[in-house]
């Protein structure tokens, strides 16, 4: 991912230089990851059509979602949250959760995961989709490699 060096720890990642990835039908644009944040966090823009999302799962990263447009339903164990533009949710490490884009043609949100590394899952999911090898077994293996457990 092309970045511009500013100072030893500052970078600009130009939006025009990023590529949208296909992560199981959800468009994910990685805006920064381990290389850009010294491993602190990953940052991604998520755009998903109505009805798309992620099934219930856990992973070791802590996540934050901030909705930019549309409506996103987040399930945290037995709690359902309806999120609208401007809303942010914090999802602790290991907490079972899922999300679905539930209103309008599509929803868009920013996702931050810490520590960094979740961006590697997004990139590998896109490679899997492009390879034509996507099926339940290969998707499960990919999740396992990235310590994502479907619940």
N, C-alpha and C. Protein backbone atom coordinates (compact mmCIF):
# COMPACT_ATOMS: atom_id res chain seq x y z
N UNK A 1 0.85 -1.17 0.00
CA UNK A 1 0.00 0.00 0.00
C UNK A 1 0.89 1.23 0.00
N UNK A 2 0.76 2.11 -0.98
CA UNK A 2 1.61 3.29 -1.04
C UNK A 2 1.28 4.27 0.08
N UNK A 3 2.30 4.75 0.75
CA UNK A 3 2.13 5.78 1.77
C UNK A 3 3.18 6.84 1.56
N UNK A 4 2.95 7.99 2.15
CA UNK A 4 3.93 9.07 2.10
C UNK A 4 4.53 9.21 3.48
N UNK A 5 5.85 9.18 3.57
CA UNK A 5 6.52 9.38 4.85
C UNK A 5 6.55 10.86 5.18
N UNK A 6 6.14 11.19 6.41
CA UNK A 6 6.20 12.56 6.87
C UNK A 6 7.31 12.72 7.89
N UNK A 7 7.16 12.07 9.01
CA UNK A 7 8.17 12.00 10.06
C UNK A 7 8.30 10.52 10.37
N UNK A 8 9.24 10.13 11.21
CA UNK A 8 9.42 8.69 11.45
C UNK A 8 8.14 7.94 11.83
N UNK A 9 7.18 8.59 12.50
CA UNK A 9 5.98 7.86 12.90
C UNK A 9 4.71 8.41 12.26
N UNK A 10 4.81 9.36 11.34
CA UNK A 10 3.62 9.93 10.71
C UNK A 10 3.57 9.54 9.24
N UNK A 11 2.38 9.24 8.75
CA UNK A 11 2.20 8.85 7.35
C UNK A 11 0.86 9.36 6.85
N UNK A 12 0.80 9.60 5.57
CA UNK A 12 -0.46 9.88 4.89
C UNK A 12 -0.70 8.72 3.95
N UNK A 13 -1.89 8.16 4.01
CA UNK A 13 -2.28 7.10 3.08
C UNK A 13 -3.34 7.72 2.18
N UNK A 14 -3.02 7.90 0.93
CA UNK A 14 -3.92 8.55 0.00
C UNK A 14 -5.05 7.61 -0.39
N UNK A 15 -6.28 8.08 -0.21
CA UNK A 15 -7.44 7.28 -0.56
C UNK A 15 -7.47 6.86 -2.00
N UNK A 16 -6.88 7.66 -2.86
CA UNK A 16 -6.86 7.32 -4.28
C UNK A 16 -5.88 6.19 -4.57
N UNK A 17 -5.06 5.83 -3.61
CA UNK A 17 -4.06 4.78 -3.81
C UNK A 17 -4.47 3.46 -3.15
N UNK A 18 -5.66 3.41 -2.54
CA UNK A 18 -6.10 2.19 -1.88
C UNK A 18 -7.04 1.41 -2.80
N UNK A 19 -7.15 0.13 -2.56
CA UNK A 19 -7.97 -0.75 -3.39
C UNK A 19 -9.03 -1.43 -2.52
N UNK A 20 -10.25 -1.46 -3.01
CA UNK A 20 -11.32 -2.15 -2.29
C UNK A 20 -11.14 -3.66 -2.46
N UNK A 21 -11.29 -4.37 -1.37
CA UNK A 21 -11.18 -5.83 -1.36
C UNK A 21 -12.56 -6.44 -1.24
N UNK A 22 -12.74 -7.64 -1.76
CA UNK A 22 -13.99 -8.38 -1.62
C UNK A 22 -13.81 -9.36 -0.47
N UNK A 23 -14.47 -9.08 0.64
CA UNK A 23 -14.39 -9.95 1.81
C UNK A 23 -15.76 -10.59 1.99
N UNK A 24 -15.97 -11.69 1.30
CA UNK A 24 -17.22 -12.46 1.37
C UNK A 24 -18.44 -11.59 1.07
N UNK A 25 -18.34 -10.76 0.02
CA UNK A 25 -19.45 -9.94 -0.41
C UNK A 25 -19.51 -8.56 0.21
N UNK A 26 -18.56 -8.25 1.08
CA UNK A 26 -18.47 -6.93 1.71
C UNK A 26 -17.23 -6.24 1.16
N UNK A 27 -17.35 -4.97 0.78
CA UNK A 27 -16.23 -4.22 0.23
C UNK A 27 -15.43 -3.60 1.38
N UNK A 28 -14.17 -3.98 1.48
CA UNK A 28 -13.29 -3.51 2.55
C UNK A 28 -12.09 -2.81 1.93
N UNK A 29 -11.86 -1.58 2.34
CA UNK A 29 -10.68 -0.85 1.90
C UNK A 29 -9.78 -0.66 3.10
N UNK A 30 -8.63 -1.29 3.09
CA UNK A 30 -7.69 -1.17 4.20
C UNK A 30 -7.02 0.19 4.08
N UNK A 31 -7.17 1.00 5.12
CA UNK A 31 -6.60 2.35 5.14
C UNK A 31 -5.29 2.41 5.90
N UNK A 32 -5.01 1.39 6.67
CA UNK A 32 -3.76 1.32 7.42
C UNK A 32 -3.72 0.02 8.19
N UNK A 33 -2.51 -0.44 8.42
CA UNK A 33 -2.33 -1.68 9.15
C UNK A 33 -1.03 -1.68 9.90
N UNK A 34 -0.51 -2.86 10.16
CA UNK A 34 0.70 -3.00 10.97
C UNK A 34 1.86 -2.17 10.43
N UNK A 35 2.03 -2.16 9.12
CA UNK A 35 3.16 -1.43 8.53
C UNK A 35 3.05 0.07 8.75
N UNK A 36 1.83 0.58 8.75
CA UNK A 36 1.64 2.02 8.88
C UNK A 36 1.48 2.48 10.33
N UNK A 37 1.16 1.57 11.23
CA UNK A 37 0.87 1.95 12.62
C UNK A 37 1.81 1.31 13.63
N UNK A 38 2.91 0.77 13.17
CA UNK A 38 3.86 0.06 14.03
C UNK A 38 3.17 -1.03 14.84
N UNK A 39 2.17 -1.67 14.20
CA UNK A 39 1.48 -2.79 14.83
C UNK A 39 0.38 -2.41 15.80
N UNK A 40 0.13 -1.12 15.98
CA UNK A 40 -0.84 -0.69 16.98
C UNK A 40 -2.28 -1.02 16.61
N UNK A 41 -2.67 -0.79 15.35
CA UNK A 41 -4.06 -1.02 14.96
C UNK A 41 -4.15 -1.12 13.45
N UNK A 42 -5.29 -1.62 12.98
CA UNK A 42 -5.62 -1.57 11.57
C UNK A 42 -6.86 -0.71 11.41
N UNK A 43 -6.98 -0.09 10.25
CA UNK A 43 -8.08 0.82 9.97
C UNK A 43 -8.64 0.45 8.61
N UNK A 44 -9.96 0.31 8.52
CA UNK A 44 -10.57 -0.08 7.25
C UNK A 44 -11.90 0.64 7.08
N UNK A 45 -12.23 0.89 5.82
CA UNK A 45 -13.56 1.41 5.47
C UNK A 45 -14.35 0.22 4.94
N UNK A 46 -15.53 0.00 5.52
CA UNK A 46 -16.36 -1.13 5.17
C UNK A 46 -17.61 -0.60 4.47
N UNK A 47 -17.92 -1.13 3.30
CA UNK A 47 -19.15 -0.80 2.58
C UNK A 47 -19.83 -2.11 2.26
N UNK A 48 -21.07 -2.23 2.72
CA UNK A 48 -21.75 -3.50 2.47
C UNK A 48 -23.19 -3.25 2.02
N UNK A 49 -23.65 -4.09 1.09
CA UNK A 49 -25.03 -3.97 0.64
C UNK A 49 -25.99 -4.41 1.74
N UNK A 50 -27.22 -3.96 1.61
CA UNK A 50 -28.25 -4.34 2.57
C UNK A 50 -28.32 -5.87 2.68
N UNK A 51 -28.33 -6.36 3.90
CA UNK A 51 -28.41 -7.79 4.16
C UNK A 51 -27.05 -8.46 4.30
N UNK A 52 -25.99 -7.80 3.90
CA UNK A 52 -24.64 -8.38 4.00
C UNK A 52 -24.05 -8.05 5.38
N UNK A 53 -23.01 -8.78 5.73
CA UNK A 53 -22.33 -8.53 7.00
C UNK A 53 -21.40 -9.66 7.35
N UNK A 54 -21.23 -9.86 8.64
CA UNK A 54 -20.35 -10.92 9.14
C UNK A 54 -21.15 -11.78 10.12
N UNK A 55 -21.02 -13.10 10.04
CA UNK A 55 -21.75 -13.98 10.96
C UNK A 55 -21.18 -13.88 12.38
N UNK A 56 -21.87 -14.42 13.37
CA UNK A 56 -21.35 -14.38 14.73
C UNK A 56 -19.97 -15.02 14.82
N UNK A 57 -19.04 -14.29 15.46
CA UNK A 57 -17.66 -14.75 15.55
C UNK A 57 -16.96 -14.07 16.71
N UNK A 58 -15.78 -14.57 17.03
CA UNK A 58 -14.90 -13.93 18.01
C UNK A 58 -13.50 -13.86 17.39
N UNK A 59 -12.71 -12.96 17.93
CA UNK A 59 -11.29 -12.88 17.56
C UNK A 59 -10.57 -12.11 18.66
N UNK A 60 -9.25 -12.21 18.70
CA UNK A 60 -8.51 -11.57 19.79
C UNK A 60 -8.40 -10.05 19.69
N UNK A 61 -8.66 -9.48 18.51
CA UNK A 61 -8.56 -8.03 18.37
C UNK A 61 -9.78 -7.34 18.99
N UNK A 62 -9.55 -6.16 19.55
CA UNK A 62 -10.62 -5.27 19.98
C UNK A 62 -11.03 -4.47 18.75
N UNK A 63 -12.34 -4.23 18.59
CA UNK A 63 -12.79 -3.47 17.43
C UNK A 63 -13.63 -2.27 17.84
N UNK A 64 -13.62 -1.28 16.98
CA UNK A 64 -14.50 -0.12 17.08
C UNK A 64 -15.10 0.08 15.69
N UNK A 65 -16.41 0.27 15.62
CA UNK A 65 -17.07 0.60 14.36
C UNK A 65 -17.68 1.99 14.51
N UNK A 66 -17.48 2.85 13.52
CA UNK A 66 -18.21 4.12 13.48
C UNK A 66 -18.96 4.19 12.16
N UNK A 67 -20.27 4.32 12.28
CA UNK A 67 -21.14 4.33 11.10
C UNK A 67 -21.07 5.70 10.43
N UNK A 68 -20.83 5.68 9.12
CA UNK A 68 -20.79 6.90 8.32
C UNK A 68 -22.11 7.14 7.59
N UNK A 69 -22.70 6.05 7.08
CA UNK A 69 -24.00 6.18 6.41
C UNK A 69 -24.72 4.84 6.46
N UNK A 70 -26.03 4.90 6.37
CA UNK A 70 -26.84 3.70 6.42
C UNK A 70 -27.11 3.27 7.85
N UNK A 71 -27.54 2.04 7.99
CA UNK A 71 -27.85 1.47 9.31
C UNK A 71 -27.14 0.13 9.43
N UNK A 72 -26.50 -0.08 10.57
CA UNK A 72 -25.78 -1.32 10.84
C UNK A 72 -26.34 -1.91 12.12
N UNK A 73 -26.75 -3.16 12.06
CA UNK A 73 -27.20 -3.87 13.25
C UNK A 73 -26.03 -4.70 13.75
N UNK A 74 -25.66 -4.48 15.00
CA UNK A 74 -24.56 -5.22 15.63
C UNK A 74 -25.16 -6.08 16.73
N UNK A 75 -24.82 -7.35 16.69
CA UNK A 75 -25.25 -8.29 17.73
C UNK A 75 -24.05 -8.54 18.63
N UNK A 76 -24.17 -8.24 19.92
CA UNK A 76 -23.12 -8.50 20.91
C UNK A 76 -23.69 -9.53 21.88
N UNK A 77 -23.29 -10.77 21.74
CA UNK A 77 -23.87 -11.88 22.48
C UNK A 77 -25.38 -11.81 22.33
N UNK A 78 -26.13 -11.52 23.39
CA UNK A 78 -27.59 -11.50 23.31
C UNK A 78 -28.16 -10.08 23.20
N UNK A 79 -27.33 -9.10 22.93
CA UNK A 79 -27.75 -7.71 22.84
C UNK A 79 -27.70 -7.24 21.39
N UNK A 80 -28.81 -6.66 20.90
CA UNK A 80 -28.88 -6.14 19.54
C UNK A 80 -28.81 -4.62 19.58
N UNK A 81 -27.89 -4.07 18.81
CA UNK A 81 -27.72 -2.62 18.74
C UNK A 81 -27.99 -2.15 17.33
N UNK A 82 -28.80 -1.11 17.19
CA UNK A 82 -29.04 -0.48 15.90
C UNK A 82 -28.18 0.77 15.84
N UNK A 83 -27.26 0.83 14.89
CA UNK A 83 -26.33 1.95 14.78
C UNK A 83 -26.65 2.77 13.54
N UNK A 84 -26.58 4.08 13.71
CA UNK A 84 -26.89 5.04 12.65
C UNK A 84 -25.69 5.96 12.45
N UNK A 85 -25.69 6.77 11.38
CA UNK A 85 -24.55 7.66 11.15
C UNK A 85 -24.16 8.45 12.39
N UNK A 86 -22.87 8.41 12.70
CA UNK A 86 -22.33 9.08 13.88
C UNK A 86 -22.19 8.18 15.09
N UNK A 87 -22.87 7.03 15.08
CA UNK A 87 -22.79 6.09 16.21
C UNK A 87 -21.50 5.28 16.14
N UNK A 88 -20.95 4.98 17.31
CA UNK A 88 -19.73 4.17 17.42
C UNK A 88 -19.98 3.08 18.44
N UNK A 89 -19.49 1.89 18.16
CA UNK A 89 -19.57 0.79 19.13
C UNK A 89 -18.17 0.26 19.39
N UNK A 90 -17.89 -0.08 20.64
CA UNK A 90 -16.64 -0.69 21.07
C UNK A 90 -16.93 -2.16 21.32
N UNK A 91 -16.14 -3.03 20.71
CA UNK A 91 -16.33 -4.48 20.85
C UNK A 91 -15.05 -5.06 21.46
N UNK A 92 -15.10 -5.45 22.73
CA UNK A 92 -13.91 -5.98 23.40
C UNK A 92 -13.40 -7.28 22.76
N UNK A 93 -12.14 -7.52 22.92
CA UNK A 93 -11.50 -8.74 22.47
C UNK A 93 -12.25 -9.96 22.98
N UNK A 94 -12.50 -10.91 22.08
CA UNK A 94 -13.11 -12.18 22.48
C UNK A 94 -14.62 -12.16 22.63
N UNK A 95 -15.27 -11.02 22.53
CA UNK A 95 -16.73 -10.95 22.69
C UNK A 95 -17.40 -11.43 21.41
N UNK A 96 -18.29 -12.42 21.49
CA UNK A 96 -19.01 -12.85 20.29
C UNK A 96 -19.83 -11.69 19.72
N UNK A 97 -19.70 -11.50 18.40
CA UNK A 97 -20.42 -10.41 17.76
C UNK A 97 -20.64 -10.72 16.28
N UNK A 98 -21.56 -9.96 15.70
CA UNK A 98 -21.81 -10.02 14.26
C UNK A 98 -22.32 -8.66 13.84
N UNK A 99 -22.36 -8.42 12.53
CA UNK A 99 -22.98 -7.20 12.04
C UNK A 99 -23.69 -7.47 10.74
N UNK A 100 -24.75 -6.70 10.50
CA UNK A 100 -25.51 -6.77 9.27
C UNK A 100 -25.90 -5.36 8.88
N UNK A 101 -25.77 -5.05 7.61
CA UNK A 101 -26.23 -3.77 7.09
C UNK A 101 -27.72 -3.92 6.81
N UNK A 102 -28.54 -3.11 7.50
CA UNK A 102 -29.96 -3.41 7.57
C UNK A 102 -30.91 -2.41 6.94
N UNK A 103 -30.45 -1.30 6.42
CA UNK A 103 -31.39 -0.34 5.82
C UNK A 103 -30.72 0.35 4.65
N UNK A 104 -31.52 0.79 3.72
CA UNK A 104 -30.99 1.48 2.55
C UNK A 104 -30.31 0.50 1.61
N UNK A 105 -29.74 1.03 0.54
CA UNK A 105 -29.07 0.19 -0.44
C UNK A 105 -27.78 -0.41 0.12
N UNK A 106 -27.06 0.40 0.92
CA UNK A 106 -25.82 -0.08 1.53
C UNK A 106 -25.50 0.78 2.74
N UNK A 107 -24.59 0.29 3.54
CA UNK A 107 -24.12 1.03 4.72
C UNK A 107 -22.60 1.14 4.61
N UNK A 108 -22.07 2.14 5.29
CA UNK A 108 -20.62 2.36 5.29
C UNK A 108 -20.20 2.69 6.71
N UNK A 109 -19.11 2.06 7.14
CA UNK A 109 -18.56 2.39 8.45
C UNK A 109 -17.06 2.22 8.44
N UNK A 110 -16.43 2.84 9.42
CA UNK A 110 -15.00 2.71 9.62
C UNK A 110 -14.80 1.70 10.74
N UNK A 111 -13.87 0.78 10.54
CA UNK A 111 -13.56 -0.23 11.56
C UNK A 111 -12.09 -0.09 11.97
N UNK A 112 -11.88 -0.05 13.27
CA UNK A 112 -10.53 -0.02 13.83
C UNK A 112 -10.37 -1.30 14.64
N UNK A 113 -9.30 -2.03 14.40
CA UNK A 113 -9.02 -3.26 15.17
C UNK A 113 -7.63 -3.12 15.79
N UNK A 114 -7.55 -3.44 17.06
CA UNK A 114 -6.24 -3.38 17.72
C UNK A 114 -6.00 -4.63 18.53
N UNK A 115 -4.76 -5.13 18.47
CA UNK A 115 -3.64 -4.62 17.69
C UNK A 115 -3.87 -4.87 16.20
N UNK A 116 -2.94 -4.39 15.39
CA UNK A 116 -3.00 -4.58 13.94
C UNK A 116 -2.89 -6.06 13.59
N UNK A 117 -3.22 -6.38 12.38
CA UNK A 117 -3.14 -7.75 11.88
C UNK A 117 -4.42 -8.18 11.20
N UNK A 118 -5.55 -7.61 11.60
CA UNK A 118 -6.84 -7.99 11.02
C UNK A 118 -6.87 -7.69 9.52
N UNK A 119 -6.07 -6.72 9.10
CA UNK A 119 -6.01 -6.37 7.67
C UNK A 119 -5.49 -7.54 6.83
N UNK A 120 -4.68 -8.40 7.43
CA UNK A 120 -4.18 -9.57 6.70
C UNK A 120 -5.32 -10.53 6.38
N UNK A 121 -6.26 -10.68 7.29
CA UNK A 121 -7.44 -11.50 7.04
C UNK A 121 -8.21 -10.95 5.84
N UNK A 122 -8.43 -9.63 5.81
CA UNK A 122 -9.16 -9.02 4.70
C UNK A 122 -8.46 -9.30 3.37
N UNK A 123 -7.16 -9.14 3.34
CA UNK A 123 -6.41 -9.35 2.09
C UNK A 123 -6.47 -10.80 1.64
N UNK A 124 -6.34 -11.73 2.59
CA UNK A 124 -6.40 -13.15 2.23
C UNK A 124 -7.80 -13.57 1.80
N UNK A 125 -8.83 -12.98 2.42
CA UNK A 125 -10.20 -13.28 2.01
C UNK A 125 -10.44 -12.83 0.57
N UNK A 126 -9.92 -11.67 0.21
CA UNK A 126 -10.04 -11.17 -1.16
C UNK A 126 -9.31 -12.11 -2.13
N UNK A 127 -8.11 -12.54 -1.76
CA UNK A 127 -7.36 -13.48 -2.62
C UNK A 127 -8.14 -14.78 -2.81
N UNK A 128 -8.76 -15.25 -1.73
CA UNK A 128 -9.55 -16.48 -1.80
C UNK A 128 -10.73 -16.30 -2.75
N UNK A 129 -11.41 -15.16 -2.64
CA UNK A 129 -12.55 -14.90 -3.52
C UNK A 129 -12.11 -14.83 -4.98
N UNK A 130 -10.99 -14.18 -5.24
CA UNK A 130 -10.49 -14.03 -6.62
C UNK A 130 -9.98 -15.35 -7.19
N UNK A 131 -9.53 -16.25 -6.33
CA UNK A 131 -8.96 -17.52 -6.81
C UNK A 131 -10.02 -18.49 -7.30
N UNK A 132 -11.26 -18.24 -6.94
CA UNK A 132 -12.31 -19.18 -7.29
C UNK A 132 -12.35 -20.38 -6.36
N UNK A 133 -11.55 -20.36 -5.31
CA UNK A 133 -11.46 -21.49 -4.38
C UNK A 133 -12.32 -21.30 -3.13
N UNK A 134 -13.14 -20.25 -3.10
CA UNK A 134 -13.97 -19.99 -1.92
C UNK A 134 -15.02 -21.07 -1.75
N UNK A 135 -15.07 -21.67 -0.59
CA UNK A 135 -16.12 -22.61 -0.20
C UNK A 135 -16.09 -22.65 1.33
N UNK A 136 -17.05 -23.31 1.96
CA UNK A 136 -17.08 -23.32 3.43
C UNK A 136 -15.78 -23.82 4.08
N UNK A 137 -15.14 -24.81 3.47
CA UNK A 137 -13.93 -25.37 4.06
C UNK A 137 -12.76 -24.38 3.97
N UNK A 138 -12.58 -23.74 2.79
CA UNK A 138 -11.47 -22.79 2.66
C UNK A 138 -11.72 -21.54 3.50
N UNK A 139 -12.98 -21.13 3.62
CA UNK A 139 -13.30 -19.97 4.47
C UNK A 139 -13.03 -20.30 5.93
N UNK A 140 -13.39 -21.49 6.36
CA UNK A 140 -13.13 -21.89 7.75
C UNK A 140 -11.63 -21.97 8.03
N UNK A 141 -10.86 -22.48 7.08
CA UNK A 141 -9.40 -22.55 7.26
C UNK A 141 -8.81 -21.15 7.36
N UNK A 142 -9.28 -20.24 6.52
CA UNK A 142 -8.81 -18.85 6.58
C UNK A 142 -9.11 -18.24 7.94
N UNK A 143 -10.32 -18.42 8.42
CA UNK A 143 -10.69 -17.90 9.75
C UNK A 143 -9.77 -18.48 10.82
N UNK A 144 -9.53 -19.78 10.75
CA UNK A 144 -8.67 -20.43 11.75
C UNK A 144 -7.26 -19.87 11.76
N UNK A 145 -6.71 -19.60 10.58
CA UNK A 145 -5.36 -19.03 10.50
C UNK A 145 -5.27 -17.65 11.16
N UNK A 146 -6.41 -16.95 11.19
CA UNK A 146 -6.43 -15.60 11.76
C UNK A 146 -7.11 -15.55 13.13
N UNK A 147 -7.23 -16.70 13.76
CA UNK A 147 -7.78 -16.82 15.12
C UNK A 147 -9.19 -16.25 15.23
N UNK A 148 -9.96 -16.41 14.14
CA UNK A 148 -11.36 -16.03 14.12
C UNK A 148 -12.16 -17.31 14.31
N UNK A 149 -13.02 -17.31 15.30
CA UNK A 149 -13.84 -18.47 15.60
C UNK A 149 -15.29 -18.14 15.30
N UNK A 150 -15.92 -18.90 14.41
CA UNK A 150 -17.34 -18.72 14.15
C UNK A 150 -18.13 -19.37 15.27
N UNK A 151 -19.13 -18.65 15.77
CA UNK A 151 -19.93 -19.17 16.89
C UNK A 151 -21.38 -19.31 16.53
